[in-house]
Protein backbone atom coordinates (compact mmCIF):
# COMPACT_ATOMS: atom_id res chain seq x y z
CA UNK A 1 -23.84 56.70 -49.99
CA UNK A 2 -25.37 59.34 -52.30
CA UNK A 3 -28.48 59.73 -50.22
CA UNK A 4 -26.27 60.81 -47.35
CA UNK A 5 -24.70 63.79 -49.35
CA UNK A 6 -26.52 67.08 -49.28
CA UNK A 7 -28.00 68.09 -52.54
CA UNK A 8 -26.26 71.38 -52.44
CA UNK A 9 -22.68 70.01 -52.12
CA UNK A 10 -21.56 72.41 -54.89
CA UNK A 11 -22.28 75.31 -52.58
CA UNK A 12 -20.34 74.14 -49.56
CA UNK A 13 -17.35 76.34 -48.29
CA UNK A 14 -14.14 74.84 -46.82
CA UNK A 15 -15.62 75.37 -43.38
CA UNK A 16 -18.70 73.43 -44.34
CA UNK A 17 -16.55 70.50 -45.36
CA UNK A 18 -14.69 70.69 -42.15
CA UNK A 19 -17.82 70.13 -40.23
CA UNK A 20 -19.12 67.05 -42.26
CA UNK A 21 -19.38 64.10 -39.88
CA UNK A 22 -18.18 61.69 -42.60
CA UNK A 23 -14.42 61.43 -43.57
CA UNK A 24 -14.33 63.26 -46.95
CA UNK A 25 -11.46 64.85 -49.01
CA UNK A 26 -12.16 67.55 -51.61
CA UNK A 27 -9.58 67.20 -54.45
CA UNK A 28 -9.34 69.89 -57.16
CA UNK A 29 -8.67 69.19 -60.85
CA UNK A 30 -4.85 69.46 -60.36
CA UNK A 31 -4.96 66.58 -57.88
CA UNK A 32 -4.44 68.85 -54.70
CA UNK A 33 -6.43 68.43 -51.62
CA UNK A 34 -8.40 71.63 -51.11
CA UNK A 35 -10.41 70.62 -47.93
CA UNK A 36 -11.06 67.72 -45.89
CA UNK A 37 -13.29 67.04 -42.78
CA UNK A 38 -12.25 66.68 -39.29
CA UNK A 39 -12.86 63.05 -39.26
CA UNK A 40 -10.79 62.60 -42.33
CA UNK A 41 -7.90 64.33 -40.74
CA UNK A 42 -7.99 62.00 -37.69
CA UNK A 43 -7.85 59.02 -40.10
CA UNK A 44 -5.24 60.64 -42.48
CA UNK A 45 -2.93 62.69 -40.28
CA UNK A 46 -0.35 62.98 -43.03
CA UNK A 47 -2.62 64.67 -45.52
CA UNK A 48 -3.72 68.31 -45.40
CA UNK A 49 -4.95 71.11 -47.68
CA UNK A 50 -2.44 71.56 -50.52
CA UNK A 51 -1.18 67.85 -50.42
CA UNK A 52 -0.65 66.19 -53.73
CA UNK A 53 -2.83 63.12 -53.78
CA UNK A 54 -0.38 61.37 -56.07
CA UNK A 55 2.51 61.92 -53.72
CA UNK A 56 0.54 60.85 -50.54
CA UNK A 57 -1.55 57.86 -51.71
CA UNK A 58 -3.43 56.62 -48.74
CA UNK A 59 -4.07 52.96 -48.05
CA UNK A 60 -7.80 53.15 -48.76
CA UNK A 61 -7.04 54.35 -52.33
CA UNK A 62 -4.68 51.47 -52.96
CA UNK A 63 -7.32 49.08 -51.61
CA UNK A 64 -5.02 47.84 -48.81
CA UNK A 65 -7.33 48.78 -46.01
CA UNK A 66 -10.75 47.64 -44.94
CA UNK A 67 -12.07 50.86 -46.45
CA UNK A 68 -12.89 52.14 -49.90
CA UNK A 69 -13.22 55.63 -51.56
CA UNK A 70 -16.40 56.67 -53.35
CA UNK A 71 -16.29 59.75 -55.58
CA UNK A 72 -18.81 62.56 -55.97
CA UNK A 73 -18.13 65.07 -58.85
CA UNK A 74 -18.35 68.74 -57.77
CA UNK A 75 -18.42 72.04 -59.90
CA UNK A 76 -15.20 73.29 -61.24
CA UNK A 77 -13.86 69.76 -61.85
CA UNK A 78 -13.41 69.07 -58.15
CA UNK A 79 -14.08 65.74 -56.75
CA UNK A 80 -15.26 64.75 -53.19
CA UNK A 81 -13.70 61.49 -52.01
CA UNK A 82 -15.90 59.86 -49.31
CA UNK A 83 -14.13 57.37 -47.13
CA UNK A 84 -16.45 54.52 -46.13
CA UNK A 85 -16.45 50.87 -44.97
CA UNK A 86 -16.39 48.27 -47.80
CA UNK A 87 -19.11 45.78 -46.66
CA UNK A 88 -17.97 43.20 -49.21
CA UNK A 89 -14.39 43.44 -48.19
CA UNK A 90 -15.33 43.18 -44.39
CA UNK A 91 -17.38 40.22 -45.12
CA UNK A 92 -14.65 38.49 -47.06
CA UNK A 93 -12.26 39.16 -44.19
CA UNK A 94 -14.73 37.82 -41.63
CA UNK A 95 -15.48 34.68 -43.57
CA UNK A 96 -11.77 34.15 -44.02
CA UNK A 97 -11.04 34.59 -40.29
CA UNK A 98 -13.99 32.46 -39.30
CA UNK A 99 -12.70 29.66 -41.59
CA UNK A 100 -9.27 29.91 -40.28
CA UNK A 101 -10.47 29.59 -36.68
CA UNK A 102 -12.66 26.65 -37.63
CA UNK A 103 -9.66 24.90 -39.21
CA UNK A 104 -7.63 25.61 -36.10
CA UNK A 105 -10.37 24.40 -33.75
CA UNK A 106 -10.66 21.15 -35.70
CA UNK A 107 -7.02 20.54 -35.64
CA UNK A 108 -6.86 21.11 -31.85
CA UNK A 109 -9.74 18.66 -31.46
CA UNK A 110 -7.93 16.15 -33.65
CA UNK A 111 -4.70 16.76 -31.64
CA UNK A 112 -6.37 16.02 -28.34
CA UNK A 113 -7.92 12.93 -29.63
CA UNK A 114 -4.66 11.59 -31.22
CA UNK A 115 -2.40 12.65 -28.33
CA UNK A 116 -4.60 11.22 -25.63
CA UNK A 117 -5.14 8.00 -27.45
CA UNK A 118 -1.83 6.54 -26.30
CA UNK A 119 -0.18 6.51 -22.99
CA UNK A 120 3.10 5.39 -24.51
CA UNK A 121 5.58 8.30 -24.02
CA UNK A 122 7.55 7.65 -27.11
CA UNK A 123 4.54 7.43 -29.44
CA UNK A 124 3.05 10.50 -27.77
CA UNK A 125 6.33 12.61 -28.45
CA UNK A 126 6.34 11.42 -32.18
CA UNK A 127 2.64 12.33 -32.74
CA UNK A 128 3.29 15.78 -31.28
CA UNK A 129 6.11 16.76 -33.67
CA UNK A 130 4.40 14.99 -36.66
CA UNK A 131 1.19 17.06 -36.27
CA UNK A 132 3.13 20.32 -35.48
CA UNK A 133 5.27 19.83 -38.69
CA UNK A 134 2.23 19.06 -40.74
CA UNK A 135 -0.10 21.94 -39.47
CA UNK A 136 1.93 24.68 -37.84
CA UNK A 137 5.46 24.78 -39.10
CA UNK A 138 8.00 23.40 -41.57
CA UNK A 139 9.78 21.39 -38.90
CA UNK A 140 9.04 20.60 -35.28
CA UNK A 141 11.51 19.43 -32.55
CA UNK A 142 10.34 18.36 -29.06
CA UNK A 143 12.90 18.71 -26.36
CA UNK A 144 12.12 16.47 -23.31
CA UNK A 145 13.25 17.01 -19.78
CA UNK A 146 16.81 15.71 -19.13
CA UNK A 147 17.32 12.05 -19.10
CA UNK A 148 20.73 12.29 -17.51
CA UNK A 149 23.54 14.78 -16.94
CA UNK A 150 24.45 16.28 -20.29
CA UNK A 151 22.11 14.22 -22.35
CA UNK A 152 18.74 15.76 -23.88
CA UNK A 153 16.13 13.55 -25.43
CA UNK A 154 15.17 15.11 -28.59
CA UNK A 155 12.39 14.20 -31.11
CA UNK A 156 12.26 15.92 -34.41
CA UNK A 157 10.07 15.79 -37.70
CA UNK A 158 9.93 17.43 -40.96
CA UNK A 159 6.68 17.62 -43.14
CA UNK A 160 7.39 14.11 -44.47
CA UNK A 161 6.01 12.86 -41.22
CA UNK A 162 8.96 10.70 -40.21
CA UNK A 163 9.93 11.27 -36.57
CA UNK A 164 13.36 10.79 -35.35
CA UNK A 165 14.46 10.23 -31.69
CA UNK A 166 17.95 10.93 -30.50
CA UNK A 167 19.89 11.72 -27.40
CA UNK A 168 21.96 14.98 -27.80
CA UNK A 169 24.81 16.13 -25.64
CA UNK A 170 24.08 19.96 -25.45
CA UNK A 171 23.19 22.76 -23.14
CA UNK A 172 19.64 24.24 -23.67
CA UNK A 173 20.77 27.57 -22.30
CA UNK A 174 22.64 28.02 -25.60
CA UNK A 175 19.15 28.45 -27.29
CA UNK A 176 17.37 31.60 -26.48
CA UNK A 177 14.05 30.73 -24.72
CA UNK A 178 14.69 26.99 -24.59
CA UNK A 179 16.09 26.75 -21.10
CA UNK A 180 13.24 29.05 -19.77
CA UNK A 181 10.65 26.91 -21.61
CA UNK A 182 12.09 23.74 -20.09
CA UNK A 183 11.52 25.29 -16.71
CA UNK A 184 8.00 26.18 -17.53
CA UNK A 185 8.53 29.96 -17.93
CA UNK A 186 6.36 31.78 -20.51
CA UNK A 187 7.54 31.80 -24.12
CA UNK A 188 9.93 34.38 -25.63
CA UNK A 189 8.30 36.14 -28.62
CA UNK A 190 9.72 34.67 -31.90
CA UNK A 191 10.72 38.16 -32.93
CA UNK A 192 13.30 38.20 -30.22
CA UNK A 193 15.05 35.14 -31.28
CA UNK A 194 17.73 35.23 -34.07
CA UNK A 195 17.24 32.28 -36.34
CA UNK A 196 20.89 32.41 -36.97
CA UNK A 197 21.57 31.44 -33.23
CA UNK A 198 19.79 28.01 -33.75
CA UNK A 199 22.49 25.31 -33.15
CA UNK A 200 22.80 22.33 -35.41
CA UNK A 201 21.48 19.81 -32.99
CA UNK A 202 18.14 21.49 -32.83
CA UNK A 203 17.64 21.34 -36.66
CA UNK A 204 16.28 18.23 -38.16
CA UNK A 205 18.67 16.38 -40.40
CA UNK A 206 16.18 16.64 -43.34
CA UNK A 207 15.77 20.41 -42.78
CA UNK A 208 17.90 21.39 -45.83
CA UNK A 209 17.24 25.12 -46.04
CA UNK A 210 18.28 27.91 -43.72
CA UNK A 211 16.13 28.55 -40.65
CA UNK A 212 14.18 31.76 -41.30
CA UNK A 213 11.85 31.89 -38.20
CA UNK A 214 11.64 30.09 -34.87
CA UNK A 215 9.16 29.63 -32.00
CA UNK A 216 10.03 28.11 -28.70
CA UNK A 217 7.09 27.45 -26.42
CA UNK A 218 6.87 25.33 -23.35
CA UNK A 219 4.84 22.16 -22.87
CA UNK A 220 2.93 22.53 -19.66
CA UNK A 221 2.31 19.39 -17.75
CA UNK A 222 0.73 18.36 -14.54
CA UNK A 223 2.58 20.42 -11.97
CA UNK A 224 5.88 20.19 -13.79
CA UNK A 225 6.93 21.08 -17.27
CA UNK A 226 6.64 18.22 -19.93
CA UNK A 227 9.40 19.73 -22.10
CA UNK A 228 9.53 22.39 -24.86
CA UNK A 229 8.24 22.55 -28.51
CA UNK A 230 10.53 24.23 -31.01
CA UNK A 231 8.79 25.17 -34.28
CA UNK A 232 10.98 26.08 -37.40
CA UNK A 233 10.12 27.81 -40.66
CA UNK A 234 12.44 28.05 -43.55
CA UNK A 235 12.32 31.74 -44.70
CA UNK A 236 11.78 35.01 -43.07
CA UNK A 237 8.77 35.69 -45.23
CA UNK A 238 6.89 32.98 -43.52
CA UNK A 239 7.69 34.45 -39.98
CA UNK A 240 5.26 33.46 -37.25
CA UNK A 241 2.47 36.04 -36.58
CA UNK A 242 1.31 36.75 -33.19
CA UNK A 243 -1.86 34.82 -33.96
CA UNK A 244 0.22 31.75 -34.87
CA UNK A 245 2.29 31.90 -31.79
CA UNK A 246 -0.83 31.91 -29.71
CA UNK A 247 -2.14 28.96 -31.81
CA UNK A 248 1.17 27.18 -31.18
CA UNK A 249 0.77 27.67 -27.52
CA UNK A 250 -2.74 26.21 -27.63
CA UNK A 251 -1.48 23.07 -29.23
CA UNK A 252 1.54 22.85 -26.92
CA UNK A 253 -0.97 22.92 -23.97
CA UNK A 254 -2.67 19.86 -25.30
CA UNK A 255 0.54 18.13 -26.13
CA UNK A 256 2.02 18.87 -22.73
CA UNK A 257 -1.06 17.40 -20.95
CA UNK A 258 -0.77 14.33 -23.07
CA UNK A 259 3.00 13.98 -22.53
CA UNK A 260 2.54 14.46 -18.77
CA UNK A 261 -0.12 11.86 -18.48
CA UNK A 262 1.89 9.41 -20.53
CA UNK A 263 4.98 10.10 -18.37
CA UNK A 264 2.96 9.78 -15.20
CA UNK A 265 1.54 6.55 -16.58
CA UNK A 266 5.07 5.05 -17.26
CA UNK A 267 6.38 6.06 -13.84
CA UNK A 268 3.38 4.46 -12.14
CA UNK A 269 3.70 1.33 -14.25
CA UNK A 270 7.43 1.12 -13.30
CA UNK A 271 6.55 1.44 -9.67
CA UNK A 272 3.74 -1.17 -10.04
CA UNK A 273 6.04 -3.64 -11.58
CA UNK A 274 8.61 -3.18 -8.93
CA UNK A 275 6.12 -3.62 -6.14
CA UNK A 276 4.35 -6.62 -7.97
CA UNK A 277 7.71 -8.38 -8.38
CA UNK A 278 7.40 -9.57 -4.78
CA UNK A 279 3.64 -10.31 -5.08
CA UNK A 280 3.81 -12.58 -8.01
CA UNK A 281 3.76 -16.35 -7.57
CA UNK A 282 7.37 -17.62 -7.61
CA UNK A 283 8.89 -19.81 -10.26
CA UNK A 284 9.03 -23.26 -8.81
CA UNK A 285 11.54 -25.96 -9.49
CA UNK A 286 12.97 -29.15 -8.05
CA UNK A 287 14.56 -28.73 -4.51
CA UNK A 288 16.78 -31.69 -3.39
CA UNK A 289 14.93 -33.86 -6.08
CA UNK A 290 11.53 -33.12 -4.81
CA UNK A 291 9.26 -31.80 -7.67
CA UNK A 292 7.48 -28.57 -6.92
CA UNK A 293 4.92 -27.01 -9.29
CA UNK A 294 2.23 -24.29 -8.95
CA UNK A 295 -0.46 -22.66 -10.84
CA UNK A 296 -2.22 -19.39 -10.23
CA UNK A 297 -5.18 -17.50 -11.88
CA UNK A 298 -6.52 -14.21 -10.56
CA UNK A 299 -10.38 -13.73 -10.36
CA UNK A 300 -10.02 -11.04 -13.26
CA UNK A 301 -8.09 -11.94 -16.28
CA UNK A 302 -6.58 -8.44 -16.53
CA UNK A 303 -5.17 -8.73 -12.99
CA UNK A 304 -1.89 -10.49 -12.21
CA UNK A 305 -2.26 -10.77 -8.54
CA UNK A 306 -4.88 -11.32 -5.95
CA UNK A 307 -5.70 -12.93 -2.52
CA UNK A 308 -4.42 -16.50 -3.43
CA UNK A 309 -0.73 -17.21 -3.04
CA UNK A 310 1.96 -20.03 -2.63
CA UNK A 311 5.48 -19.74 -1.66
CA UNK A 312 8.50 -22.03 -1.01
CA UNK A 313 11.21 -21.24 1.75
CA UNK A 314 14.20 -23.58 1.06
CA UNK A 315 16.04 -25.14 3.97
CA UNK A 316 19.44 -23.63 4.90
CA UNK A 317 20.85 -26.95 5.98
CA UNK A 318 21.64 -30.28 4.22
CA UNK A 319 19.11 -32.26 6.55
CA UNK A 320 16.73 -29.45 7.15
CA UNK A 321 13.07 -28.92 5.99
CA UNK A 322 11.78 -26.84 3.16
CA UNK A 323 8.74 -24.90 4.04
CA UNK A 324 5.93 -24.91 1.48
CA UNK A 325 2.92 -22.38 1.99
CA UNK A 326 -0.26 -22.14 0.15
CA UNK A 327 -2.95 -19.58 1.34
CA UNK A 328 -6.10 -17.66 0.65
CA UNK A 329 -6.67 -14.06 1.97
CA UNK A 330 -10.18 -12.74 2.38
CA UNK A 331 -11.08 -10.52 -0.57
CA UNK A 332 -9.84 -10.04 -4.11
CA UNK A 333 -7.72 -7.68 -6.14
CA UNK A 334 -5.02 -5.16 -5.03
CA UNK A 335 -6.17 -4.78 -1.29
CA UNK A 336 -6.14 -8.64 -0.77
CA UNK A 337 -2.72 -8.77 -2.58
CA UNK A 338 -1.27 -6.26 -0.15
CA UNK A 339 -2.08 -8.42 2.77
CA UNK A 340 -0.82 -11.41 0.84
CA UNK A 341 2.51 -9.57 0.56
CA UNK A 342 2.52 -8.99 4.29
CA UNK A 343 1.90 -12.65 4.99
CA UNK A 344 4.56 -13.81 2.57
CA UNK A 345 7.26 -11.56 3.90
CA UNK A 346 6.34 -12.47 7.48
CA UNK A 347 6.62 -16.20 6.80
CA UNK A 348 9.87 -15.66 5.13
CA UNK A 349 11.18 -14.16 8.43
CA UNK A 350 9.62 -17.05 10.30
CA UNK A 351 10.98 -19.73 7.85
CA UNK A 352 13.90 -20.78 10.48
CA UNK A 353 11.05 -21.77 12.97
CA UNK A 354 9.40 -24.19 10.31
CA UNK A 355 10.07 -27.06 12.70
CA UNK A 356 7.17 -25.91 14.78
CA UNK A 357 4.10 -25.05 12.71
CA UNK A 358 2.15 -23.94 15.75
CA UNK A 359 4.68 -21.37 16.79
CA UNK A 360 4.82 -20.13 13.18
CA UNK A 361 1.05 -19.72 13.01
CA UNK A 362 0.94 -18.01 16.48
CA UNK A 363 3.56 -15.42 15.44
CA UNK A 364 1.90 -14.84 12.03
CA UNK A 365 -1.46 -14.44 13.73
CA UNK A 366 -0.04 -11.74 16.18
CA UNK A 367 1.44 -9.92 13.14
CA UNK A 368 -1.98 -9.88 11.33
CA UNK A 369 -4.27 -8.87 14.08
CA UNK A 370 -5.05 -5.13 14.07
CA UNK A 371 -7.90 -3.11 15.08
CA UNK A 372 -7.92 -1.29 11.74
CA UNK A 373 -7.98 -4.47 9.65
CA UNK A 374 -10.93 -6.81 9.32
CA UNK A 375 -9.13 -9.11 6.83
CA UNK A 376 -8.24 -12.76 7.61
CA UNK A 377 -6.47 -15.61 5.76
CA UNK A 378 -6.46 -19.35 5.68
CA UNK A 379 -3.43 -21.32 4.70
CA UNK A 380 -1.63 -24.69 4.77
CA UNK A 381 1.91 -25.19 5.96
CA UNK A 382 3.97 -28.16 4.45
CA UNK A 383 7.40 -29.02 5.70
CA UNK A 384 9.17 -31.35 3.25
CA UNK A 385 12.39 -33.20 3.37
CA UNK A 386 14.18 -36.25 1.60
CA UNK A 387 14.23 -39.32 3.76
CA UNK A 388 15.75 -42.63 2.57
CA UNK A 389 14.16 -42.69 -0.97
CA UNK A 390 10.91 -41.00 0.06
CA UNK A 391 9.74 -37.69 1.05
CA UNK A 392 8.58 -36.83 4.67
CA UNK A 393 5.78 -34.23 4.86
CA UNK A 394 4.35 -32.53 7.87
CA UNK A 395 1.16 -30.58 7.22
CA UNK A 396 -0.85 -28.08 9.12
CA UNK A 397 -4.13 -26.36 8.18
CA UNK A 398 -5.01 -23.07 9.40
CA UNK A 399 -8.72 -22.83 8.48
CA UNK A 400 -7.85 -24.06 5.00
CA UNK A 401 -9.08 -27.00 2.90
CA UNK A 402 -7.04 -30.28 3.90
CA UNK A 403 -4.55 -31.16 1.25
CA UNK A 404 -5.03 -34.23 -0.94
CA UNK A 405 -2.58 -37.06 -1.57
CA UNK A 406 -2.49 -39.07 -4.77
CA UNK A 407 -1.18 -42.54 -4.09
CA UNK A 408 0.47 -44.87 -6.66
CA UNK A 409 -2.50 -47.22 -6.53
CA UNK A 410 -4.84 -44.34 -7.64
CA UNK A 411 -6.29 -43.60 -4.27
CA UNK A 412 -6.82 -40.01 -3.28
CA UNK A 413 -6.44 -39.36 0.50
CA UNK A 414 -7.47 -36.33 2.42
CA UNK A 415 -4.94 -35.37 5.03
CA UNK A 416 -6.22 -35.14 8.67
CA UNK A 417 -5.45 -31.63 9.66
CA UNK A 418 -7.32 -28.60 10.69
CA UNK A 419 -7.06 -25.30 12.57
CA UNK A 420 -8.29 -21.83 13.10
CA UNK A 421 -8.29 -18.84 10.74
CA UNK A 422 -5.35 -16.43 10.85
CA UNK A 423 -5.90 -12.86 11.83
CA UNK A 424 -9.27 -13.20 13.62
CA UNK A 425 -8.81 -14.49 17.10
CA UNK A 426 -5.93 -13.67 19.56
CA UNK A 427 -5.10 -17.44 19.95
CA UNK A 428 -4.70 -19.90 17.24
CA UNK A 429 -5.29 -23.64 17.16
CA UNK A 430 -4.10 -26.12 14.78
CA UNK A 431 -3.29 -29.90 14.35
CA UNK A 432 -0.32 -31.09 12.54
CA UNK A 433 -0.11 -34.40 10.49
CA UNK A 434 2.87 -36.23 9.35
CA UNK A 435 2.79 -38.40 6.07
CA UNK A 436 5.11 -40.03 3.61
CA UNK A 437 5.21 -39.62 -0.16
CA UNK A 438 6.71 -42.60 -1.88
CA UNK A 439 8.31 -42.16 -5.46
CA UNK A 440 5.74 -40.81 -7.72
CA UNK A 441 3.15 -39.80 -5.16
CA UNK A 442 1.91 -36.25 -4.98
CA UNK A 443 0.48 -34.05 -2.32
CA UNK A 444 -1.80 -31.22 -3.72
CA UNK A 445 -2.53 -28.01 -1.96
CA UNK A 446 -5.22 -25.89 -3.39
CA UNK A 447 -7.65 -22.96 -2.53
CA UNK A 448 -11.36 -22.80 -2.65
CA UNK A 449 -11.27 -21.16 -5.99
CA UNK A 450 -11.01 -24.74 -7.40
CA UNK A 451 -13.78 -26.52 -5.44
CA UNK A 452 -16.18 -23.54 -5.44
CA UNK A 453 -15.69 -22.65 -9.00
CA UNK A 454 -19.22 -22.61 -10.57
CA UNK A 455 -19.93 -23.75 -14.14
CA UNK A 456 -21.17 -26.73 -15.77
CA UNK A 457 -24.16 -26.89 -18.18
CA UNK A 458 -26.21 -24.25 -16.19
CA UNK A 459 -23.13 -22.25 -14.89
CA UNK A 460 -24.33 -22.60 -11.26
CA UNK A 461 -22.83 -25.93 -10.17
CA UNK A 462 -19.71 -26.05 -8.06
CA UNK A 463 -16.76 -27.99 -9.19
CA UNK A 464 -16.59 -29.63 -5.88
CA UNK A 465 -14.10 -31.86 -3.97
CA UNK A 466 -15.58 -35.09 -5.46
CA UNK A 467 -14.97 -33.91 -8.97
CA UNK A 468 -11.39 -32.86 -7.91
CA UNK A 469 -10.65 -36.21 -6.42
CA UNK A 470 -11.78 -38.07 -9.62
CA UNK A 471 -9.46 -35.81 -11.63
CA UNK A 472 -6.59 -36.38 -9.31
CA UNK A 473 -7.04 -40.12 -9.45
CA UNK A 474 -6.43 -39.84 -13.21
CA UNK A 475 -3.10 -38.13 -12.54
CA UNK A 476 -1.59 -41.15 -10.77
CA UNK A 477 2.14 -41.18 -11.41
CA UNK A 478 2.23 -37.98 -13.26
CA UNK A 479 4.82 -35.30 -12.62
CA UNK A 480 3.93 -32.26 -10.45
CA UNK A 481 3.78 -30.03 -13.39
CA UNK A 482 1.35 -32.18 -15.17
CA UNK A 483 -0.86 -32.49 -12.14
CA UNK A 484 -1.09 -28.81 -11.75
CA UNK A 485 -1.70 -28.24 -15.34
CA UNK A 486 -4.45 -30.86 -15.37
CA UNK A 487 -6.19 -29.28 -12.35
CA UNK A 488 -6.00 -25.75 -13.71
CA UNK A 489 -7.26 -26.84 -17.15
CA UNK A 490 -10.34 -28.61 -15.83
CA UNK A 491 -11.23 -25.60 -13.53
CA UNK A 492 -10.72 -23.17 -16.25
CA UNK A 493 -12.92 -25.34 -18.55
CA UNK A 494 -15.44 -25.60 -15.75
CA UNK A 495 -16.00 -21.80 -15.23
CA UNK A 496 -15.70 -21.11 -18.93
CA UNK A 497 -15.07 -17.28 -18.63
CA UNK A 498 -17.59 -16.87 -16.05
CA UNK A 499 -17.03 -15.05 -12.88
CA UNK A 500 -14.81 -16.94 -10.30
CA UNK A 501 -12.68 -16.51 -7.34
CA UNK A 502 -8.83 -16.47 -7.30
CA UNK A 503 -7.32 -20.03 -8.11
CA UNK A 504 -4.08 -21.39 -6.79
CA UNK A 505 -2.90 -24.94 -6.83
CA UNK A 506 0.44 -26.43 -5.80
CA UNK A 507 1.87 -29.99 -6.15
CA UNK A 508 4.56 -31.72 -4.18
CA UNK A 509 5.79 -34.81 -5.85
CA UNK A 510 8.26 -37.43 -4.47
CA UNK A 511 11.10 -38.23 -6.93
CA UNK A 512 10.81 -41.49 -8.86
CA UNK A 513 13.44 -44.14 -8.52
CA UNK A 514 15.64 -44.40 -11.53
CA UNK A 515 18.52 -46.48 -12.69
CA UNK A 516 20.59 -46.73 -15.66
CA UNK A 517 20.14 -49.55 -18.24
CA UNK A 518 22.25 -50.15 -21.36
CA UNK A 519 21.23 -51.88 -24.46
CA UNK A 520 24.70 -53.55 -24.65
CA UNK A 521 27.89 -53.21 -22.99
CA UNK A 522 29.12 -50.36 -24.92
CA UNK A 523 26.25 -47.83 -25.75
CA UNK A 524 25.12 -45.27 -23.24
CA UNK A 525 22.27 -46.17 -20.89
CA UNK A 526 19.08 -44.36 -20.17
CA UNK A 527 16.96 -43.37 -17.29
CA UNK A 528 13.91 -45.62 -16.60
CA UNK A 529 11.28 -45.52 -13.72
């Protein structure tokens, strides 16, 4: 600084000091300001000629500003105080600010990774308050949108990291800024909120001290607010600064996006479960003593539904026929499953006409034919009923593989039935065959996912009808569930985790004759075949 000072400073007059471009004060030996430059007056408006330096100590002399004073002795004991930037102090402040911003940026990156790692809404809310209590405040409370009238979902956490979820009966409007935040309005500055107005339900149970400062900021979601984040500090000395409130809003934006995504996923999952309830294969059981069993495996292990299906429509009369259906829709995945659902619903409506398979197929075909759709289906209709100790079965194929019957002597017969695809041509053609299942005999309905499953040593050989017939011959006399389980197991072993089509199998088994036999005249008897 010395080289910027003229060599003849001792000869300057008051007017000369006033014109010096640098901020400078001239103080006499009594500590009174004798002169000061114009730039010094603009910086220190409360100090003028005659001011006592001890009475009006400026911030730069107490080292609380980003400036420092350098002294130059003058004649007659006077001192020129030069006001200048302190490069060391500025550098320290810059490094401190840069370090703080880096820490905050790293925390926000961590927050994004942690919050978006889970689509579970409860875990996401807990992670939000845990991170906020650890990095931003002494405690954090997340107020979710209303679950029901008068009840507010609240998740709170103190620095110990244990999140608590509870339902609170309260009115958010009682908390300044909370009602607005839940509606997505901009946050109210913390200095406008009286900490004493915070209700007990908004303070975590482990928060033992008095609330000293509070921030309420919205959690912005995808189109609708995801809730509100309330940050608490214990004493007024740790009040939130403007920079900390901005940082809290940046964190809230990330938390809101994650919560919104988790809530959207939960809603979509609930809708999917509701829609899939009618698309999943039904649970089969005995009907009028007739054993019914089914097995299904989608083409992709992560999918629960596909293009193969089976269904049972019980008779509404004592001597009526139960309609059993197994089919295969062109394609895989969700699109095929949608058509599957349409077919199943249509067949349910047509079940009263099950006495005429041709009419059922004709009406189903009319319902599926559409100029916008190019998908088709194959299926087998089976009408079954009990008749004098055996089961009468009428079978009709509509472009599907013929059913197989496992007789008691180990023979495997292919049912003589065939017909046209459903959903392709305006007219349908099909041939119905009647047969009888004697006690213990099984009729197997299956899709091409079984016979066309590729596997074996090279992974390219099809399972085929011959291999299926040999497997069924080994199932002679077995219950329907055992037959289905055997076929599904062999098929799964054959493909051995390779790519495969949807697989559906259904067995209809005639009930076995049983009678009671007793060991003696007094003990209870047992069922025997």
